[in-house]
C-alpha atoms as a PDB file:
ATOM      1  CA  UNK A   1      78.528 -20.241 -87.582  1.00  0.00           C
ATOM      2  CA  UNK A   2      75.579 -20.433 -85.607  1.00  0.00           C
ATOM      3  CA  UNK A   3      72.691 -20.697 -87.930  1.00  0.00           C
ATOM      4  CA  UNK A   4      71.144 -17.372 -89.420  1.00  0.00           C
ATOM      5  CA  UNK A   5      66.934 -17.242 -88.054  1.00  0.00           C
ATOM      6  CA  UNK A   6      64.625 -17.798 -90.735  1.00  0.00           C
ATOM      7  CA  UNK A   7      62.076 -15.179 -91.119  1.00  0.00           C
ATOM      8  CA  UNK A   8      61.558 -14.747 -94.811  1.00  0.00           C
ATOM      9  CA  UNK A   9      59.555 -17.504 -97.483  1.00  0.00           C
ATOM     10  CA  UNK A  10      58.606 -17.094-100.708  1.00  0.00           C
ATOM     11  CA  UNK A  11      55.105 -18.712-102.571  1.00  0.00           C
ATOM     12  CA  UNK A  12      56.090 -19.325-106.044  1.00  0.00           C
ATOM     13  CA  UNK A  13      52.405 -18.815-107.713  1.00  0.00           C
ATOM     14  CA  UNK A  14      52.949 -17.978-111.324  1.00  0.00           C
ATOM     15  CA  UNK A  15      52.242 -20.926-112.540  1.00  0.00           C
ATOM     16  CA  UNK A  16      49.344 -21.676-115.314  1.00  0.00           C
ATOM     17  CA  UNK A  17      47.375 -24.421-112.978  1.00  0.00           C
ATOM     18  CA  UNK A  18      47.459 -26.080-116.360  1.00  0.00           C
ATOM     19  CA  UNK A  19      46.554 -29.851-115.169  1.00  0.00           C
ATOM     20  CA  UNK A  20      43.183 -28.200-113.539  1.00  0.00           C
ATOM     21  CA  UNK A  21      42.164 -26.596-116.830  1.00  0.00           C
ATOM     22  CA  UNK A  22      39.027 -25.322-117.554  1.00  0.00           C
ATOM     23  CA  UNK A  23      38.545 -24.825-113.529  1.00  0.00           C
ATOM     24  CA  UNK A  24      41.597 -22.396-113.704  1.00  0.00           C
ATOM     25  CA  UNK A  25      41.016 -20.689-116.676  1.00  0.00           C
ATOM     26  CA  UNK A  26      39.468 -17.616-114.862  1.00  0.00           C
ATOM     27  CA  UNK A  27      40.303 -18.406-111.267  1.00  0.00           C
ATOM     28  CA  UNK A  28      44.079 -18.885-109.926  1.00  0.00           C
ATOM     29  CA  UNK A  29      44.667 -22.311-108.834  1.00  0.00           C
ATOM     30  CA  UNK A  30      46.198 -20.862-105.766  1.00  0.00           C
ATOM     31  CA  UNK A  31      42.441 -19.706-105.022  1.00  0.00           C
ATOM     32  CA  UNK A  32      40.704 -22.888-105.263  1.00  0.00           C
ATOM     33  CA  UNK A  33      39.122 -23.150-102.142  1.00  0.00           C
ATOM     34  CA  UNK A  34      40.215 -26.625 -99.600  1.00  0.00           C
ATOM     35  CA  UNK A  35      37.949 -26.316 -97.007  1.00  0.00           C
ATOM     36  CA  UNK A  36      36.589 -23.025 -96.200  1.00  0.00           C
ATOM     37  CA  UNK A  37      39.573 -21.031 -97.525  1.00  0.00           C
ATOM     38  CA  UNK A  38      41.584 -20.605-100.525  1.00  0.00           C
ATOM     39  CA  UNK A  39      44.501 -23.361-100.581  1.00  0.00           C
ATOM     40  CA  UNK A  40      47.336 -20.412-100.506  1.00  0.00           C
ATOM     41  CA  UNK A  41      45.664 -19.355 -97.661  1.00  0.00           C
ATOM     42  CA  UNK A  42      46.453 -22.482 -96.028  1.00  0.00           C
ATOM     43  CA  UNK A  43      50.064 -21.825 -96.934  1.00  0.00           C
ATOM     44  CA  UNK A  44      49.995 -18.596 -95.801  1.00  0.00           C
ATOM     45  CA  UNK A  45      48.951 -19.377 -92.495  1.00  0.00           C
ATOM     46  CA  UNK A  46      51.188 -22.390 -92.198  1.00  0.00           C
ATOM     47  CA  UNK A  47      54.131 -19.946 -92.177  1.00  0.00           C
ATOM     48  CA  UNK A  48      52.835 -17.228 -89.889  1.00  0.00           C
ATOM     49  CA  UNK A  49      52.304 -19.893 -87.529  1.00  0.00           C
ATOM     50  CA  UNK A  50      55.995 -20.990 -87.915  1.00  0.00           C
ATOM     51  CA  UNK A  51      57.324 -17.618 -86.842  1.00  0.00           C
ATOM     52  CA  UNK A  52      57.849 -16.272 -90.832  1.00  0.00           C
ATOM     53  CA  UNK A  53      57.549 -12.374 -90.797  1.00  0.00           C
ATOM     54  CA  UNK A  54      58.366 -11.306 -94.228  1.00  0.00           C
ATOM     55  CA  UNK A  55      56.269 -13.389 -96.945  1.00  0.00           C
ATOM     56  CA  UNK A  56      56.768 -12.550-100.552  1.00  0.00           C
ATOM     57  CA  UNK A  57      54.215 -14.144-103.223  1.00  0.00           C
ATOM     58  CA  UNK A  58      55.692 -14.323-106.692  1.00  0.00           C
ATOM     59  CA  UNK A  59      52.513 -13.869-109.620  1.00  0.00           C
ATOM     60  CA  UNK A  60      52.537 -13.124-113.037  1.00  0.00           C
ATOM     61  CA  UNK A  61      49.718 -10.658-114.598  1.00  0.00           C
ATOM     62  CA  UNK A  62      46.707 -12.893-114.263  1.00  0.00           C
ATOM     63  CA  UNK A  63      46.944 -13.640-110.072  1.00  0.00           C
ATOM     64  CA  UNK A  64      45.175 -10.256-109.159  1.00  0.00           C
ATOM     65  CA  UNK A  65      42.606 -12.403-106.989  1.00  0.00           C
ATOM     66  CA  UNK A  66      45.686 -13.385-104.625  1.00  0.00           C
ATOM     67  CA  UNK A  67      46.300 -10.017-103.697  1.00  0.00           C
ATOM     68  CA  UNK A  68      42.675  -8.960-103.619  1.00  0.00           C
ATOM     69  CA  UNK A  69      41.855 -11.877-101.309  1.00  0.00           C
ATOM     70  CA  UNK A  70      44.736 -10.882 -98.686  1.00  0.00           C
ATOM     71  CA  UNK A  71      44.430  -7.472 -98.972  1.00  0.00           C
ATOM     72  CA  UNK A  72      42.169  -5.645 -95.592  1.00  0.00           C
ATOM     73  CA  UNK A  73      38.780  -4.513 -96.806  1.00  0.00           C
ATOM     74  CA  UNK A  74      37.195  -2.005 -93.970  1.00  0.00           C
ATOM     75  CA  UNK A  75      34.833  -0.942 -96.362  1.00  0.00           C
ATOM     76  CA  UNK A  76      32.803  -4.063 -96.582  1.00  0.00           C
ATOM     77  CA  UNK A  77      33.872  -5.153 -92.749  1.00  0.00           C
ATOM     78  CA  UNK A  78      32.020  -1.911 -91.814  1.00  0.00           C
ATOM     79  CA  UNK A  79      29.180  -2.968 -94.095  1.00  0.00           C
ATOM     80  CA  UNK A  80      28.797  -6.235 -92.507  1.00  0.00           C
ATOM     81  CA  UNK A  81      29.019  -5.037 -88.964  1.00  0.00           C
ATOM     82  CA  UNK A  82      26.224  -2.358 -89.531  1.00  0.00           C
ATOM     83  CA  UNK A  83      23.912  -5.436 -91.112  1.00  0.00           C
ATOM     84  CA  UNK A  84      24.759  -7.164 -88.018  1.00  0.00           C
ATOM     85  CA  UNK A  85      26.505  -9.791 -89.150  1.00  0.00           C
ATOM     86  CA  UNK A  86      29.458  -9.681 -87.117  1.00  0.00           C
ATOM     87  CA  UNK A  87      30.998 -13.320 -87.118  1.00  0.00           C
ATOM     88  CA  UNK A  88      31.598 -12.426 -91.009  1.00  0.00           C
ATOM     89  CA  UNK A  89      32.634  -8.883 -90.275  1.00  0.00           C
ATOM     90  CA  UNK A  90      35.351 -10.874 -87.868  1.00  0.00           C
ATOM     91  CA  UNK A  91      36.120 -13.455 -90.564  1.00  0.00           C
ATOM     92  CA  UNK A  92      37.068 -10.679 -93.336  1.00  0.00           C
ATOM     93  CA  UNK A  93      38.892  -8.768 -91.022  1.00  0.00           C
ATOM     94  CA  UNK A  94      41.099 -11.694 -89.613  1.00  0.00           C
ATOM     95  CA  UNK A  95      41.981 -12.523 -93.429  1.00  0.00           C
ATOM     96  CA  UNK A  96      43.206  -9.257 -93.968  1.00  0.00           C
ATOM     97  CA  UNK A  97      45.005  -9.308 -90.476  1.00  0.00           C
ATOM     98  CA  UNK A  98      46.982 -11.880 -92.160  1.00  0.00           C
ATOM     99  CA  UNK A  99      48.925  -9.359 -94.823  1.00  0.00           C
ATOM    100  CA  UNK A 100      50.255  -7.140 -91.681  1.00  0.00           C
ATOM    101  CA  UNK A 101      51.177 -10.658 -89.626  1.00  0.00           C
ATOM    102  CA  UNK A 102      53.029 -11.949 -92.834  1.00  0.00           C
ATOM    103  CA  UNK A 103      54.275  -8.873 -94.436  1.00  0.00           C
ATOM    104  CA  UNK A 104      53.031 -10.275 -97.384  1.00  0.00           C
ATOM    105  CA  UNK A 105      54.450  -8.580-100.357  1.00  0.00           C
ATOM    106  CA  UNK A 106      54.164  -9.583-104.152  1.00  0.00           C
ATOM    107  CA  UNK A 107      56.649  -9.993-107.263  1.00  0.00           C
ATOM    108  CA  UNK A 108      55.983 -10.163-110.904  1.00  0.00           C
ATOM    109  CA  UNK A 109      57.697 -13.374-112.239  1.00  0.00           C
ATOM    110  CA  UNK A 110      60.853 -12.040-114.461  1.00  0.00           C
ATOM    111  CA  UNK A 111      62.957 -14.630-116.325  1.00  0.00           C
ATOM    112  CA  UNK A 112      63.579 -17.854-117.706  1.00  0.00           C
ATOM    113  CA  UNK A 113      60.758 -20.532-117.616  1.00  0.00           C
ATOM    114  CA  UNK A 114      61.423 -23.214-114.282  1.00  0.00           C
ATOM    115  CA  UNK A 115      60.508 -23.497-110.407  1.00  0.00           C
ATOM    116  CA  UNK A 116      63.900 -22.002-109.786  1.00  0.00           C
ATOM    117  CA  UNK A 117      63.288 -18.564-111.349  1.00  0.00           C
ATOM    118  CA  UNK A 118      60.847 -16.958-108.455  1.00  0.00           C
ATOM    119  CA  UNK A 119      62.805 -18.224-105.830  1.00  0.00           C
ATOM    120  CA  UNK A 120      65.999 -15.924-107.142  1.00  0.00           C
ATOM    121  CA  UNK A 121      63.220 -13.071-108.131  1.00  0.00           C
ATOM    122  CA  UNK A 122      62.876 -13.053-104.694  1.00  0.00           C
ATOM    123  CA  UNK A 123      65.851 -14.200-103.306  1.00  0.00           C
ATOM    124  CA  UNK A 124      67.322 -10.956-104.497  1.00  0.00           C
ATOM    125  CA  UNK A 125      65.989  -8.882-101.907  1.00  0.00           C
ATOM    126  CA  UNK A 126      67.329 -11.218 -98.788  1.00  0.00           C
ATOM    127  CA  UNK A 127      70.856 -10.432 -98.906  1.00  0.00           C
ATOM    128  CA  UNK A 128      72.403 -13.195 -96.957  1.00  0.00           C
ATOM    129  CA  UNK A 129      69.746 -14.519 -95.342  1.00  0.00           C
ATOM    130  CA  UNK A 130      68.289 -18.345 -95.395  1.00  0.00           C
ATOM    131  CA  UNK A 131      64.590 -18.614 -96.533  1.00  0.00           C
ATOM    132  CA  UNK A 132      61.931 -20.977 -96.716  1.00  0.00           C
ATOM    133  CA  UNK A 133      60.094 -21.752 -99.918  1.00  0.00           C
ATOM    134  CA  UNK A 134      56.461 -23.516-100.180  1.00  0.00           C
ATOM    135  CA  UNK A 135      54.512 -24.012-103.055  1.00  0.00           C
ATOM    136  CA  UNK A 136      50.905 -22.958-102.789  1.00  0.00           C
ATOM    137  CA  UNK A 137      49.224 -26.359-104.112  1.00  0.00           C
ATOM    138  CA  UNK A 138      50.145 -28.256-100.624  1.00  0.00           C
ATOM    139  CA  UNK A 139      47.984 -28.531 -97.555  1.00  0.00           C
ATOM    140  CA  UNK A 140      49.737 -29.874 -94.770  1.00  0.00           C
ATOM    141  CA  UNK A 141      47.780 -31.244 -91.908  1.00  0.00           C
ATOM    142  CA  UNK A 142      50.274 -31.783 -88.860  1.00  0.00           C
ATOM    143  CA  UNK A 143      50.406 -31.371 -85.047  1.00  0.00           C
ATOM    144  CA  UNK A 144      53.583 -29.396 -85.880  1.00  0.00           C
ATOM    145  CA  UNK A 145      53.584 -27.474 -88.959  1.00  0.00           C
ATOM    146  CA  UNK A 146      55.745 -28.498 -91.699  1.00  0.00           C
ATOM    147  CA  UNK A 147      57.658 -25.108 -92.234  1.00  0.00           C
ATOM    148  CA  UNK A 148      58.361 -25.213 -88.348  1.00  0.00           C
ATOM    149  CA  UNK A 149      59.719 -28.605 -88.911  1.00  0.00           C
ATOM    150  CA  UNK A 150      62.086 -27.623 -91.470  1.00  0.00           C
ATOM    151  CA  UNK A 151      63.408 -24.315 -89.488  1.00  0.00           C
ATOM    152  CA  UNK A 152      64.173 -27.275 -86.364  1.00  0.00           C
ATOM    153  CA  UNK A 153      66.096 -29.200 -89.325  1.00  0.00           C
ATOM    154  CA  UNK A 154      67.976 -25.958 -90.684  1.00  0.00           C
ATOM    155  CA  UNK A 155      68.823 -25.219 -87.169  1.00  0.00           C
ATOM    156  CA  UNK A 156      70.078 -28.465 -86.324  1.00  0.00           C
ATOM    157  CA  UNK A 157      71.845 -28.648 -89.912  1.00  0.00           C
ATOM    158  CA  UNK A 158      73.031 -24.681 -90.780  1.00  0.00           C
ATOM    159  CA  UNK A 159      72.603 -26.120 -94.040  1.00  0.00           C
ATOM    160  CA  UNK A 160      69.841 -26.562 -96.738  1.00  0.00           C
ATOM    161  CA  UNK A 161      66.815 -28.916 -95.926  1.00  0.00           C
ATOM    162  CA  UNK A 162      64.772 -30.372 -98.283  1.00  0.00           C
ATOM    163  CA  UNK A 163      60.814 -31.537 -97.270  1.00  0.00           C
ATOM    164  CA  UNK A 164      60.274 -35.381 -97.446  1.00  0.00           C
ATOM    165  CA  UNK A 165      57.881 -38.104 -97.275  1.00  0.00           C
ATOM    166  CA  UNK A 166      58.156 -41.843 -97.579  1.00  0.00           C
ATOM    167  CA  UNK A 167      56.884 -43.313-100.978  1.00  0.00           C
ATOM    168  CA  UNK A 168      55.304 -45.985-102.478  1.00  0.00           C
ATOM    169  CA  UNK A 169      58.097 -47.459-104.808  1.00  0.00           C
ATOM    170  CA  UNK A 170      55.634 -47.285-107.708  1.00  0.00           C
ATOM    171  CA  UNK A 171      55.163 -43.639-107.345  1.00  0.00           C
ATOM    172  CA  UNK A 172      58.467 -42.745-107.984  1.00  0.00           C
ATOM    173  CA  UNK A 173      58.049 -41.691-111.617  1.00  0.00           C
ATOM    174  CA  UNK A 174      56.029 -38.646-110.158  1.00  0.00           C
ATOM    175  CA  UNK A 175      58.542 -37.140-107.610  1.00  0.00           C
ATOM    176  CA  UNK A 176      62.228 -36.178-107.275  1.00  0.00           C
ATOM    177  CA  UNK A 177      63.571 -39.120-105.287  1.00  0.00           C
ATOM    178  CA  UNK A 178      66.767 -37.610-102.870  1.00  0.00           C
ATOM    179  CA  UNK A 179      69.770 -39.771-102.823  1.00  0.00           C
ATOM    180  CA  UNK A 180      70.255 -40.843 -99.441  1.00  0.00           C
ATOM    181  CA  UNK A 181      74.189 -40.624 -98.210  1.00  0.00           C
ATOM    182  CA  UNK A 182      73.405 -41.237 -94.215  1.00  0.00           C
ATOM    183  CA  UNK A 183      70.401 -41.617 -91.943  1.00  0.00           C
ATOM    184  CA  UNK A 184      70.946 -39.652 -88.980  1.00  0.00           C
ATOM    185  CA  UNK A 185      67.575 -40.376 -86.969  1.00  0.00           C
ATOM    186  CA  UNK A 186      64.610 -38.374 -86.369  1.00  0.00           C
ATOM    187  CA  UNK A 187      63.803 -38.316 -89.646  1.00  0.00           C
ATOM    188  CA  UNK A 188      66.975 -36.507 -90.746  1.00  0.00           C
ATOM    189  CA  UNK A 189      68.942 -37.505 -93.910  1.00  0.00           C
ATOM    190  CA  UNK A 190      71.848 -36.212 -95.594  1.00  0.00           C
ATOM    191  CA  UNK A 191      71.333 -36.836 -99.332  1.00  0.00           C
ATOM    192  CA  UNK A 192      73.866 -35.731-102.028  1.00  0.00           C
ATOM    193  CA  UNK A 193      71.231 -34.953-104.929  1.00  0.00           C
ATOM    194  CA  UNK A 194      67.657 -35.726-106.121  1.00  0.00           C
ATOM    195  CA  UNK A 195      66.856 -37.780-109.218  1.00  0.00           C
ATOM    196  CA  UNK A 196      63.831 -36.334-110.912  1.00  0.00           C
ATOM    197  CA  UNK A 197      60.941 -38.621-111.767  1.00  0.00           C
ATOM    198  CA  UNK A 198      63.137 -42.343-112.093  1.00  0.00           C
ATOM    199  CA  UNK A 199      61.613 -45.529-112.969  1.00  0.00           C
ATOM    200  CA  UNK A 200      61.235 -47.566-109.731  1.00  0.00           C
ATOM    201  CA  UNK A 201      63.926 -49.924-110.514  1.00  0.00           C
ATOM    202  CA  UNK A 202      65.994 -46.340-110.528  1.00  0.00           C
ATOM    203  CA  UNK A 203      64.584 -44.849-107.283  1.00  0.00           C
ATOM    204  CA  UNK A 204      67.614 -44.296-105.345  1.00  0.00           C
ATOM    205  CA  UNK A 205      65.448 -44.525-102.076  1.00  0.00           C
ATOM    206  CA  UNK A 206      61.890 -44.838-100.600  1.00  0.00           C
ATOM    207  CA  UNK A 207      61.522 -40.890-100.134  1.00  0.00           C
ATOM    208  CA  UNK A 208      60.222 -37.942-102.292  1.00  0.00           C
ATOM    209  CA  UNK A 209      60.459 -34.416-102.270  1.00  0.00           C
ATOM    210  CA  UNK A 210      57.271 -32.692-101.873  1.00  0.00           C
ATOM    211  CA  UNK A 211      57.902 -29.237-102.353  1.00  0.00           C
ATOM    212  CA  UNK A 212      59.077 -27.543 -99.109  1.00  0.00           C
ATOM    213  CA  UNK A 213      62.570 -25.940 -98.676  1.00  0.00           C
ATOM    214  CA  UNK A 214      64.964 -24.080 -96.579  1.00  0.00           C
ATOM    215  CA  UNK A 215      67.021 -22.065 -99.324  1.00  0.00           C
ATOM    216  CA  UNK A 216      70.456 -20.638 -98.486  1.00  0.00           C
ATOM    217  CA  UNK A 217      72.513 -17.996-100.213  1.00  0.00           C
ATOM    218  CA  UNK A 218      74.718 -20.834-101.664  1.00  0.00           C
ATOM    219  CA  UNK A 219      71.764 -22.214-103.536  1.00  0.00           C
ATOM    220  CA  UNK A 220      70.847 -18.613-105.050  1.00  0.00           C
ATOM    221  CA  UNK A 221      74.405 -18.350-106.446  1.00  0.00           C
ATOM    222  CA  UNK A 222      73.748 -21.816-107.907  1.00  0.00           C
ATOM    223  CA  UNK A 223      70.413 -20.581-109.442  1.00  0.00           C
ATOM    224  CA  UNK A 224      71.905 -17.348-110.809  1.00  0.00           C
ATOM    225  CA  UNK A 225      74.833 -19.357-112.448  1.00  0.00           C
ATOM    226  CA  UNK A 226      72.073 -21.435-114.076  1.00  0.00           C
ATOM    227  CA  UNK A 227      70.351 -18.642-115.423  1.00  0.00           C
ATOM    228  CA  UNK A 228      73.622 -16.919-116.756  1.00  0.00           C
ATOM    229  CA  UNK A 229      73.899 -20.185-118.895  1.00  0.00           C
ATOM    230  CA  UNK A 230      70.240 -19.900-119.526  1.00  0.00           C
ATOM    231  CA  UNK A 231      70.835 -16.543-121.250  1.00  0.00           C
ATOM    232  CA  UNK A 232      73.897 -17.455-123.296  1.00  0.00           C
ATOM    233  CA  UNK A 233      72.188 -20.372-124.490  1.00  0.00           C
ATOM    234  CA  UNK A 234      68.362 -20.478-123.660  1.00  0.00           C
ATOM    235  CA  UNK A 235      66.747 -24.074-123.372  1.00  0.00           C
ATOM    236  CA  UNK A 236      64.970 -25.844-121.486  1.00  0.00           C
ATOM    237  CA  UNK A 237      63.945 -24.187-117.967  1.00  0.00           C
ATOM    238  CA  UNK A 238      65.527 -23.074-114.841  1.00  0.00           C
ATOM    239  CA  UNK A 239      64.903 -25.842-112.271  1.00  0.00           C
ATOM    240  CA  UNK A 240      65.182 -25.570-108.393  1.00  0.00           C
ATOM    241  CA  UNK A 241      66.436 -29.334-108.305  1.00  0.00           C
ATOM    242  CA  UNK A 242      69.390 -28.296-110.297  1.00  0.00           C
ATOM    243  CA  UNK A 243      70.637 -25.653-108.156  1.00  0.00           C
ATOM    244  CA  UNK A 244      70.417 -28.227-104.892  1.00  0.00           C
ATOM    245  CA  UNK A 245      72.041 -30.809-106.780  1.00  0.00           C
ATOM    246  CA  UNK A 246      75.011 -28.712-108.448  1.00  0.00           C
ATOM    247  CA  UNK A 247      75.029 -27.379-104.656  1.00  0.00           C
ATOM    248  CA  UNK A 248      75.184 -31.081-102.956  1.00  0.00           C
ATOM    249  CA  UNK A 249      77.652 -31.963-105.180  1.00  0.00           C
ATOM    250  CA  UNK A 250      80.298 -30.051-103.242  1.00  0.00           C
ATOM    251  CA  UNK A 251      78.299 -28.918 -99.718  1.00  0.00           C
ATOM    252  CA  UNK A 252      76.140 -30.562 -97.437  1.00  0.00           C
ATOM    253  CA  UNK A 253      72.210 -30.736 -98.015  1.00  0.00           C
ATOM    254  CA  UNK A 254      69.731 -32.374 -95.581  1.00  0.00           C
ATOM    255  CA  UNK A 255      66.239 -34.160 -95.618  1.00  0.00           C
ATOM    256  CA  UNK A 256      63.564 -34.069 -93.321  1.00  0.00           C
ATOM    257  CA  UNK A 257      60.771 -36.100 -93.350  1.00  0.00           C
ATOM    258  CA  UNK A 258      57.894 -34.521 -92.302  1.00  0.00           C
ATOM    259  CA  UNK A 259      55.371 -35.687 -89.826  1.00  0.00           C
ATOM    260  CA  UNK A 260      52.242 -35.106 -91.035  1.00  0.00           C
ATOM    261  CA  UNK A 261      49.392 -35.768 -93.686  1.00  0.00           C
ATOM    262  CA  UNK A 262      50.013 -34.213 -97.174  1.00  0.00           C
ATOM    263  CA  UNK A 263      47.237 -33.255 -99.606  1.00  0.00           C
ATOM    264  CA  UNK A 264      48.501 -32.165-103.366  1.00  0.00           C
ATOM    265  CA  UNK A 265      46.052 -29.831-104.752  1.00  0.00           C
ATOM    266  CA  UNK A 266      47.738 -29.864-108.160  1.00  0.00           C
ATOM    267  CA  UNK A 267      45.491 -32.272-110.173  1.00  0.00           C
ATOM    268  CA  UNK A 268      41.651 -32.921-110.672  1.00  0.00           C
ATOM    269  CA  UNK A 269      42.035 -36.196-108.400  1.00  0.00           C
ATOM    270  CA  UNK A 270      44.548 -35.125-105.512  1.00  0.00           C
ATOM    271  CA  UNK A 271      42.345 -31.694-105.410  1.00  0.00           C
ATOM    272  CA  UNK A 272      39.050 -33.679-104.822  1.00  0.00           C
ATOM    273  CA  UNK A 273      40.918 -35.753-102.056  1.00  0.00           C
ATOM    274  CA  UNK A 274      42.045 -32.526-100.272  1.00  0.00           C
ATOM    275  CA  UNK A 275      38.554 -31.247-100.638  1.00  0.00           C
ATOM    276  CA  UNK A 276      36.752 -34.049 -99.405  1.00  0.00           C
ATOM    277  CA  UNK A 277      39.456 -34.618 -96.400  1.00  0.00           C
ATOM    278  CA  UNK A 278      38.789 -30.936 -95.106  1.00  0.00           C
ATOM    279  CA  UNK A 279      34.993 -31.301 -95.801  1.00  0.00           C
ATOM    280  CA  UNK A 280      35.309 -34.251 -93.257  1.00  0.00           C
ATOM    281  CA  UNK A 281      37.622 -32.548 -90.794  1.00  0.00           C
ATOM    282  CA  UNK A 282      34.873 -29.808 -90.638  1.00  0.00           C
ATOM    283  CA  UNK A 283      33.386 -29.860 -87.027  1.00  0.00           C
ATOM    284  CA  UNK A 284      30.126 -28.660 -88.495  1.00  0.00           C
ATOM    285  CA  UNK A 285      29.308 -30.247 -91.494  1.00  0.00           C
ATOM    286  CA  UNK A 286      31.650 -33.478 -91.338  1.00  0.00           C
ATOM    287  CA  UNK A 287      29.295 -35.644 -89.757  1.00  0.00           C
ATOM    288  CA  UNK A 288      26.473 -35.037 -92.274  1.00  0.00           C
ATOM    289  CA  UNK A 289      28.803 -35.842 -95.038  1.00  0.00           C
ATOM    290  CA  UNK A 290      30.194 -38.500 -93.635  1.00  0.00           C
ATOM    291  CA  UNK A 291      26.333 -39.803 -93.482  1.00  0.00           C
ATOM    292  CA  UNK A 292      26.158 -38.660 -96.967  1.00  0.00           C
ATOM    293  CA  UNK A 293      28.979 -40.310 -98.079  1.00  0.00           C
ATOM    294  CA  UNK A 294      27.842 -43.660 -96.798  1.00  0.00           C
ATOM    295  CA  UNK A 295      24.349 -43.651 -98.821  1.00  0.00           C
ATOM    296  CA  UNK A 296      26.527 -42.918-101.790  1.00  0.00           C
ATOM    297  CA  UNK A 297      28.488 -45.784-101.182  1.00  0.00           C
ATOM    298  CA  UNK A 298      27.688 -48.207-104.114  1.00  0.00           C
ATOM    299  CA  UNK A 299      26.138 -51.491-102.437  1.00  0.00           C
ATOM    300  CA  UNK A 300      28.625 -54.529-102.844  1.00  0.00           C
END
């Protein structure tokens, strides 16, 4: 059977951002700037550039700023134009246009804790269609968007796909590490599951799963089963990794090594690295900031 066209995506954005407190006490972590855009806008733009036409952002009750950011604001646009600030008006209007291009809708998270719950919440509206799942605190700089690379991998395999990046062995404790069954070339790997945060000596491969997925109806079925068990005996959380492992025990799952540079913004050091890289890449300010960095560098 030919693979279904992927036109839907889920962005889980209901997390507390606790690793970035107190910065995220009043501002959702998804709205922290990386360059001249909030980090979630990078994800939305990546999806739209990759042909996604239906984006569901799963939120909690404290994430109204996300909706406000993408909501069109014709009153502000008109005011800016009257004030002769056409460039600012165009920028505001263009951000609002993302809602239409991506057909962005919002869903309030309901159910047990865990990163599998928002996926299941959104997937109830998808029927038998596959979908992309991207976290909103990742920024990828790549010639071909990460989402597009995942879509291509799905079209070649007609199976669930995980985004992978090579990792240093000593970093294995930070990631889900795939068990690789076969290297198919071109960055495509057949995998049989994930080991969560293993010690370096126990890591089954040199790759890290980095928070991008093509999810198929079979994975959603596994999430439903995990949630059913949780409702019978509430303990721990409902994890997407557990659903993928259950599925992979019986059917094919693939990993795709992503070509590009990944910036995680989920902790202070990583967020500062992402900000610094975006600032240096800015054509207007980059040269000045590189000069400043040189001036501030300690003398050896």
